[in-house]
Amino acid sequence: MGLVLGICDRVIVLEFGRVIADGLPDIVRQDPRVIAAYLGDGVTSGGGAAEAGIEAITLVDDQAE
């Protein structure tokens, strides 16, 4: 996820097909829903969507026509 957040102007993050965050990479990376979905919430044994092998990051090119 670090590479994506480093090169994008805007990031839309999905969890199980639903948008959970949309905005600037620095803001999205701090969103508790994104952290729980991709890093696990620290409470359960599950590691979130990333551990389950679910890819859910959409790249948006604001300069595309």
PDB file of N, CA and C in Angstrom:
ATOM      1  N   MET A   1       0.827  -1.188   0.000  1.00  0.00           N
ATOM      2  CA  MET A   1       0.000   0.000   0.000  1.00  0.00           C
ATOM      3  C   MET A   1       0.871   1.252   0.000  1.00  0.00           C
ATOM      4  N   GLY A   2       2.076   1.181   0.552  1.00  0.00           N
ATOM      5  CA  GLY A   2       2.956   2.346   0.610  1.00  0.00           C
ATOM      6  C   GLY A   2       3.279   2.916  -0.752  1.00  0.00           C
ATOM      7  N   LEU A   3       3.524   2.053  -1.733  1.00  0.00           N
ATOM      8  CA  LEU A   3       3.825   2.515  -3.083  1.00  0.00           C
ATOM      9  C   LEU A   3       2.647   3.283  -3.652  1.00  0.00           C
ATOM     10  N   VAL A   4       1.455   2.728  -3.521  1.00  0.00           N
ATOM     11  CA  VAL A   4       0.249   3.382  -4.045  1.00  0.00           C
ATOM     12  C   VAL A   4       0.066   4.746  -3.405  1.00  0.00           C
ATOM     13  N   LEU A   5       0.184   4.811  -2.092  1.00  0.00           N
ATOM     14  CA  LEU A   5      -0.024   6.080  -1.391  1.00  0.00           C
ATOM     15  C   LEU A   5       1.067   7.087  -1.728  1.00  0.00           C
ATOM     16  N   GLY A   6       2.235   6.610  -2.124  1.00  0.00           N
ATOM     17  CA  GLY A   6       3.338   7.504  -2.450  1.00  0.00           C
ATOM     18  C   GLY A   6       3.261   8.125  -3.831  1.00  0.00           C
ATOM     19  N   ILE A   7       2.517   7.497  -4.757  1.00  0.00           N
ATOM     20  CA  ILE A   7       2.508   8.002  -6.134  1.00  0.00           C
ATOM     21  C   ILE A   7       1.165   8.587  -6.578  1.00  0.00           C
ATOM     22  N   CYS A   8       0.146   8.449  -5.765  1.00  0.00           N
ATOM     23  CA  CYS A   8      -1.190   8.900  -6.162  1.00  0.00           C
ATOM     24  C   CYS A   8      -1.545  10.249  -5.548  1.00  0.00           C
ATOM     25  N   ASP A   9      -2.336  11.019  -6.295  1.00  0.00           N
ATOM     26  CA  ASP A   9      -2.866  12.288  -5.791  1.00  0.00           C
ATOM     27  C   ASP A   9      -4.139  12.068  -4.983  1.00  0.00           C
ATOM     28  N   ARG A  10      -4.859  11.015  -5.329  1.00  0.00           N
ATOM     29  CA  ARG A  10      -6.131  10.694  -4.671  1.00  0.00           C
ATOM     30  C   ARG A  10      -6.255   9.180  -4.596  1.00  0.00           C
ATOM     31  N   VAL A  11      -6.782   8.688  -3.494  1.00  0.00           N
ATOM     32  CA  VAL A  11      -6.926   7.253  -3.299  1.00  0.00           C
ATOM     33  C   VAL A  11      -8.358   6.946  -2.871  1.00  0.00           C
ATOM     34  N   ILE A  12      -8.929   5.911  -3.459  1.00  0.00           N
ATOM     35  CA  ILE A  12     -10.229   5.399  -3.045  1.00  0.00           C
ATOM     36  C   ILE A  12      -9.987   3.982  -2.537  1.00  0.00           C
ATOM     37  N   VAL A  13     -10.372   3.713  -1.310  1.00  0.00           N
ATOM     38  CA  VAL A  13     -10.141   2.407  -0.701  1.00  0.00           C
ATOM     39  C   VAL A  13     -11.472   1.680  -0.541  1.00  0.00           C
ATOM     40  N   LEU A  14     -11.490   0.428  -1.007  1.00  0.00           N
ATOM     41  CA  LEU A  14     -12.678  -0.406  -0.914  1.00  0.00           C
ATOM     42  C   LEU A  14     -12.438  -1.544   0.064  1.00  0.00           C
ATOM     43  N   GLU A  15     -13.484  -1.926   0.754  1.00  0.00           N
ATOM     44  CA  GLU A  15     -13.464  -3.137   1.567  1.00  0.00           C
ATOM     45  C   GLU A  15     -14.696  -3.930   1.191  1.00  0.00           C
ATOM     46  N   PHE A  16     -14.484  -5.113   0.656  1.00  0.00           N
ATOM     47  CA  PHE A  16     -15.575  -5.972   0.214  1.00  0.00           C
ATOM     48  C   PHE A  16     -16.527  -5.231  -0.723  1.00  0.00           C
ATOM     49  N   GLY A  17     -15.971  -4.435  -1.652  1.00  0.00           N
ATOM     50  CA  GLY A  17     -16.764  -3.755  -2.665  1.00  0.00           C
ATOM     51  C   GLY A  17     -17.398  -2.442  -2.250  1.00  0.00           C
ATOM     52  N   ARG A  18     -17.174  -2.007  -1.024  1.00  0.00           N
ATOM     53  CA  ARG A  18     -17.749  -0.738  -0.543  1.00  0.00           C
ATOM     54  C   ARG A  18     -16.639   0.263  -0.267  1.00  0.00           C
ATOM     55  N   VAL A  19     -16.874   1.513  -0.664  1.00  0.00           N
ATOM     56  CA  VAL A  19     -15.899   2.570  -0.417  1.00  0.00           C
ATOM     57  C   VAL A  19     -15.843   2.864   1.078  1.00  0.00           C
ATOM     58  N   ILE A  20     -14.639   2.781   1.642  1.00  0.00           N
ATOM     59  CA  ILE A  20     -14.484   3.105   3.066  1.00  0.00           C
ATOM     60  C   ILE A  20     -13.652   4.365   3.264  1.00  0.00           C
ATOM     61  N   ALA A  21     -12.966   4.813   2.210  1.00  0.00           N
ATOM     62  CA  ALA A  21     -12.189   6.057   2.307  1.00  0.00           C
ATOM     63  C   ALA A  21     -11.941   6.593   0.909  1.00  0.00           C
ATOM     64  N   ASP A  22     -11.897   7.908   0.799  1.00  0.00           N
ATOM     65  CA  ASP A  22     -11.685   8.572  -0.489  1.00  0.00           C
ATOM     66  C   ASP A  22     -11.047   9.916  -0.194  1.00  0.00           C
ATOM     67  N   GLY A  23      -9.858  10.142  -0.730  1.00  0.00           N
ATOM     68  CA  GLY A  23      -9.228  11.436  -0.510  1.00  0.00           C
ATOM     69  C   GLY A  23      -7.728  11.421  -0.719  1.00  0.00           C
ATOM     70  N   LEU A  24      -7.080  12.391  -0.127  1.00  0.00           N
ATOM     71  CA  LEU A  24      -5.632  12.518  -0.225  1.00  0.00           C
ATOM     72  C   LEU A  24      -4.945  11.360   0.499  1.00  0.00           C
ATOM     73  N   PRO A  25      -3.847  10.851  -0.064  1.00  0.00           N
ATOM     74  CA  PRO A  25      -3.165   9.713   0.539  1.00  0.00           C
ATOM     75  C   PRO A  25      -2.812   9.899   2.013  1.00  0.00           C
ATOM     76  N   ASP A  26      -2.343  11.073   2.410  1.00  0.00           N
ATOM     77  CA  ASP A  26      -1.964  11.298   3.813  1.00  0.00           C
ATOM     78  C   ASP A  26      -3.158  11.207   4.755  1.00  0.00           C
ATOM     79  N   ILE A  27      -4.335  11.591   4.279  1.00  0.00           N
ATOM     80  CA  ILE A  27      -5.546  11.510   5.092  1.00  0.00           C
ATOM     81  C   ILE A  27      -6.053  10.065   5.128  1.00  0.00           C
ATOM     82  N   VAL A  28      -6.094   9.436   3.960  1.00  0.00           N
ATOM     83  CA  VAL A  28      -6.607   8.072   3.853  1.00  0.00           C
ATOM     84  C   VAL A  28      -5.770   7.114   4.694  1.00  0.00           C
ATOM     85  N   ARG A  29      -4.455   7.289   4.695  1.00  0.00           N
ATOM     86  CA  ARG A  29      -3.578   6.366   5.428  1.00  0.00           C
ATOM     87  C   ARG A  29      -3.829   6.407   6.929  1.00  0.00           C
ATOM     88  N   GLN A  30      -4.411   7.488   7.438  1.00  0.00           N
ATOM     89  CA  GLN A  30      -4.684   7.628   8.868  1.00  0.00           C
ATOM     90  C   GLN A  30      -6.117   7.241   9.250  1.00  0.00           C
ATOM     91  N   ASP A  31      -6.927   6.912   8.262  1.00  0.00           N
ATOM     92  CA  ASP A  31      -8.330   6.582   8.513  1.00  0.00           C
ATOM     93  C   ASP A  31      -8.424   5.258   9.282  1.00  0.00           C
ATOM     94  N   PRO A  32      -9.108   5.249  10.422  1.00  0.00           N
ATOM     95  CA  PRO A  32      -9.218   4.025  11.225  1.00  0.00           C
ATOM     96  C   PRO A  32      -9.846   2.851  10.474  1.00  0.00           C
ATOM     97  N   ARG A  33     -10.759   3.140   9.546  1.00  0.00           N
ATOM     98  CA  ARG A  33     -11.387   2.059   8.772  1.00  0.00           C
ATOM     99  C   ARG A  33     -10.386   1.409   7.830  1.00  0.00           C
ATOM    100  N   VAL A  34      -9.504   2.219   7.238  1.00  0.00           N
ATOM    101  CA  VAL A  34      -8.470   1.688   6.344  1.00  0.00           C
ATOM    102  C   VAL A  34      -7.467   0.868   7.156  1.00  0.00           C
ATOM    103  N   ILE A  35      -7.071   1.382   8.290  1.00  0.00           N
ATOM    104  CA  ILE A  35      -6.127   0.670   9.148  1.00  0.00           C
ATOM    105  C   ILE A  35      -6.713  -0.671   9.574  1.00  0.00           C
ATOM    106  N   ALA A  36      -7.971  -0.691   9.991  1.00  0.00           N
ATOM    107  CA  ALA A  36      -8.604  -1.937  10.419  1.00  0.00           C
ATOM    108  C   ALA A  36      -8.737  -2.918   9.259  1.00  0.00           C
ATOM    109  N   ALA A  37      -9.082  -2.418   8.073  1.00  0.00           N
ATOM    110  CA  ALA A  37      -9.299  -3.298   6.927  1.00  0.00           C
ATOM    111  C   ALA A  37      -8.005  -3.912   6.415  1.00  0.00           C
ATOM    112  N   TYR A  38      -6.907  -3.168   6.433  1.00  0.00           N
ATOM    113  CA  TYR A  38      -5.674  -3.633   5.814  1.00  0.00           C
ATOM    114  C   TYR A  38      -4.605  -4.078   6.792  1.00  0.00           C
ATOM    115  N   LEU A  39      -4.688  -3.660   8.036  1.00  0.00           N
ATOM    116  CA  LEU A  39      -3.677  -4.048   9.015  1.00  0.00           C
ATOM    117  C   LEU A  39      -4.259  -4.856  10.155  1.00  0.00           C
ATOM    118  N   GLY A  40      -5.579  -4.980  10.196  1.00  0.00           N
ATOM    119  CA  GLY A  40      -6.242  -5.639  11.319  1.00  0.00           C
ATOM    120  C   GLY A  40      -6.481  -4.612  12.408  1.00  0.00           C
ATOM    121  N   ASP A  41      -7.409  -4.902  13.283  1.00  0.00           N
ATOM    122  CA  ASP A  41      -7.765  -3.919  14.304  1.00  0.00           C
ATOM    123  C   ASP A  41      -7.019  -4.121  15.614  1.00  0.00           C
ATOM    124  N   GLY A  42      -6.155  -5.130  15.671  1.00  0.00           N
ATOM    125  CA  GLY A  42      -5.386  -5.363  16.884  1.00  0.00           C
ATOM    126  C   GLY A  42      -6.166  -6.064  17.983  1.00  0.00           C
ATOM    127  N   VAL A  43      -7.462  -6.291  17.753  1.00  0.00           N
ATOM    128  CA  VAL A  43      -8.296  -6.933  18.757  1.00  0.00           C
ATOM    129  C   VAL A  43      -8.584  -8.370  18.364  1.00  0.00           C
ATOM    130  N   THR A  44      -8.916  -8.570  17.099  1.00  0.00           N
ATOM    131  CA  THR A  44      -9.218  -9.916  16.618  1.00  0.00           C
ATOM    132  C   THR A  44      -7.957 -10.550  16.064  1.00  0.00           C
ATOM    133  N   SER A  45      -8.023 -11.833  15.798  1.00  0.00           N
ATOM    134  CA  SER A  45      -6.863 -12.523  15.238  1.00  0.00           C
ATOM    135  C   SER A  45      -6.743 -12.273  13.744  1.00  0.00           C
ATOM    136  N   GLY A  46      -7.806 -11.770  13.114  1.00  0.00           N
ATOM    137  CA  GLY A  46      -7.776 -11.525  11.681  1.00  0.00           C
ATOM    138  C   GLY A  46      -6.930 -10.325  11.332  1.00  0.00           C
ATOM    139  N   GLY A  47      -6.339 -10.364  10.160  1.00  0.00           N
ATOM    140  CA  GLY A  47      -5.475  -9.289   9.714  1.00  0.00           C
ATOM    141  C   GLY A  47      -6.138  -8.368   8.728  1.00  0.00           C
ATOM    142  N   GLY A  48      -7.433  -8.430   8.602  1.00  0.00           N
ATOM    143  CA  GLY A  48      -8.128  -7.548   7.682  1.00  0.00           C
ATOM    144  C   GLY A  48      -8.165  -8.107   6.275  1.00  0.00           C
ATOM    145  N   ALA A  49      -8.624  -7.284   5.357  1.00  0.00           N
ATOM    146  CA  ALA A  49      -8.809  -7.713   3.974  1.00  0.00           C
ATOM    147  C   ALA A  49      -7.501  -8.115   3.319  1.00  0.00           C
ATOM    148  N   ALA A  50      -6.414  -7.424   3.635  1.00  0.00           N
ATOM    149  CA  ALA A  50      -5.132  -7.733   3.008  1.00  0.00           C
ATOM    150  C   ALA A  50      -4.682  -9.146   3.345  1.00  0.00           C
ATOM    151  N   GLU A  51      -4.856  -9.562   4.581  1.00  0.00           N
ATOM    152  CA  GLU A  51      -4.471 -10.915   4.974  1.00  0.00           C
ATOM    153  C   GLU A  51      -5.327 -11.955   4.269  1.00  0.00           C
ATOM    154  N   ALA A  52      -6.557 -11.612   3.977  1.00  0.00           N
ATOM    155  CA  ALA A  52      -7.460 -12.532   3.296  1.00  0.00           C
ATOM    156  C   ALA A  52      -7.193 -12.573   1.790  1.00  0.00           C
ATOM    157  N   GLY A  53      -6.214 -11.798   1.314  1.00  0.00           N
ATOM    158  CA  GLY A  53      -5.872 -11.788  -0.095  1.00  0.00           C
ATOM    159  C   GLY A  53      -6.789 -10.938  -0.941  1.00  0.00           C
ATOM    160  N   ILE A  54      -7.457  -9.988  -0.333  1.00  0.00           N
ATOM    161  CA  ILE A  54      -8.400  -9.144  -1.065  1.00  0.00           C
ATOM    162  C   ILE A  54      -7.704  -7.845  -1.461  1.00  0.00           C
ATOM    163  N   GLU A  55      -7.660  -7.584  -2.749  1.00  0.00           N
ATOM    164  CA  GLU A  55      -7.105  -6.335  -3.252  1.00  0.00           C
ATOM    165  C   GLU A  55      -8.241  -5.336  -3.369  1.00  0.00           C
ATOM    166  N   ALA A  56      -8.124  -4.192  -2.742  1.00  0.00           N
ATOM    167  CA  ALA A  56      -9.247  -3.265  -2.739  1.00  0.00           C
ATOM    168  C   ALA A  56      -8.800  -1.820  -2.771  1.00  0.00           C
ATOM    169  N   ILE A  57      -7.767  -1.536  -3.540  1.00  0.00           N
ATOM    170  CA  ILE A  57      -7.335  -0.153  -3.679  1.00  0.00           C
ATOM    171  C   ILE A  57      -7.558   0.252  -5.128  1.00  0.00           C
ATOM    172  N   THR A  58      -8.222   1.355  -5.335  1.00  0.00           N
ATOM    173  CA  THR A  58      -8.489   1.867  -6.663  1.00  0.00           C
ATOM    174  C   THR A  58      -7.637   3.101  -6.893  1.00  0.00           C
ATOM    175  N   LEU A  59      -6.892   3.102  -7.984  1.00  0.00           N
ATOM    176  CA  LEU A  59      -6.066   4.255  -8.319  1.00  0.00           C
ATOM    177  C   LEU A  59      -6.891   5.212  -9.169  1.00  0.00           C
ATOM    178  N   VAL A  60      -6.777   6.480  -8.881  1.00  0.00           N
ATOM    179  CA  VAL A  60      -7.516   7.487  -9.620  1.00  0.00           C
ATOM    180  C   VAL A  60      -6.523   8.486 -10.176  1.00  0.00           C
ATOM    181  N   ASP A  61      -6.557   8.680 -11.502  1.00  0.00           N
ATOM    182  CA  ASP A  61      -5.688   9.662 -12.143  1.00  0.00           C
ATOM    183  C   ASP A  61      -6.511  10.900 -12.392  1.00  0.00           C
ATOM    184  N   ASP A  62      -6.345  11.917 -11.536  1.00  0.00           N
ATOM    185  CA  ASP A  62      -7.117  13.150 -11.661  1.00  0.00           C
ATOM    186  C   ASP A  62      -6.830  13.913 -12.946  1.00  0.00           C
ATOM    187  N   GLN A  63      -5.743  13.578 -13.604  1.00  0.00           N
ATOM    188  CA  GLN A  63      -5.362  14.286 -14.822  1.00  0.00           C
ATOM    189  C   GLN A  63      -5.828  13.567 -16.070  1.00  0.00           C
ATOM    190  N   ALA A  64      -6.433  12.409 -15.930  1.00  0.00           N
ATOM    191  CA  ALA A  64      -6.919  11.664 -17.102  1.00  0.00           C
ATOM    192  C   ALA A  64      -8.113  12.375 -17.718  1.00  0.00           C
ATOM    193  N   GLU A  65      -8.200  12.280 -19.026  1.00  0.00           N
ATOM    194  CA  GLU A  65      -9.307  12.929 -19.731  1.00  0.00           C
ATOM    195  C   GLU A  65     -10.457  12.001 -19.929  1.00  0.00           C
TER     196      GLU A  65
END
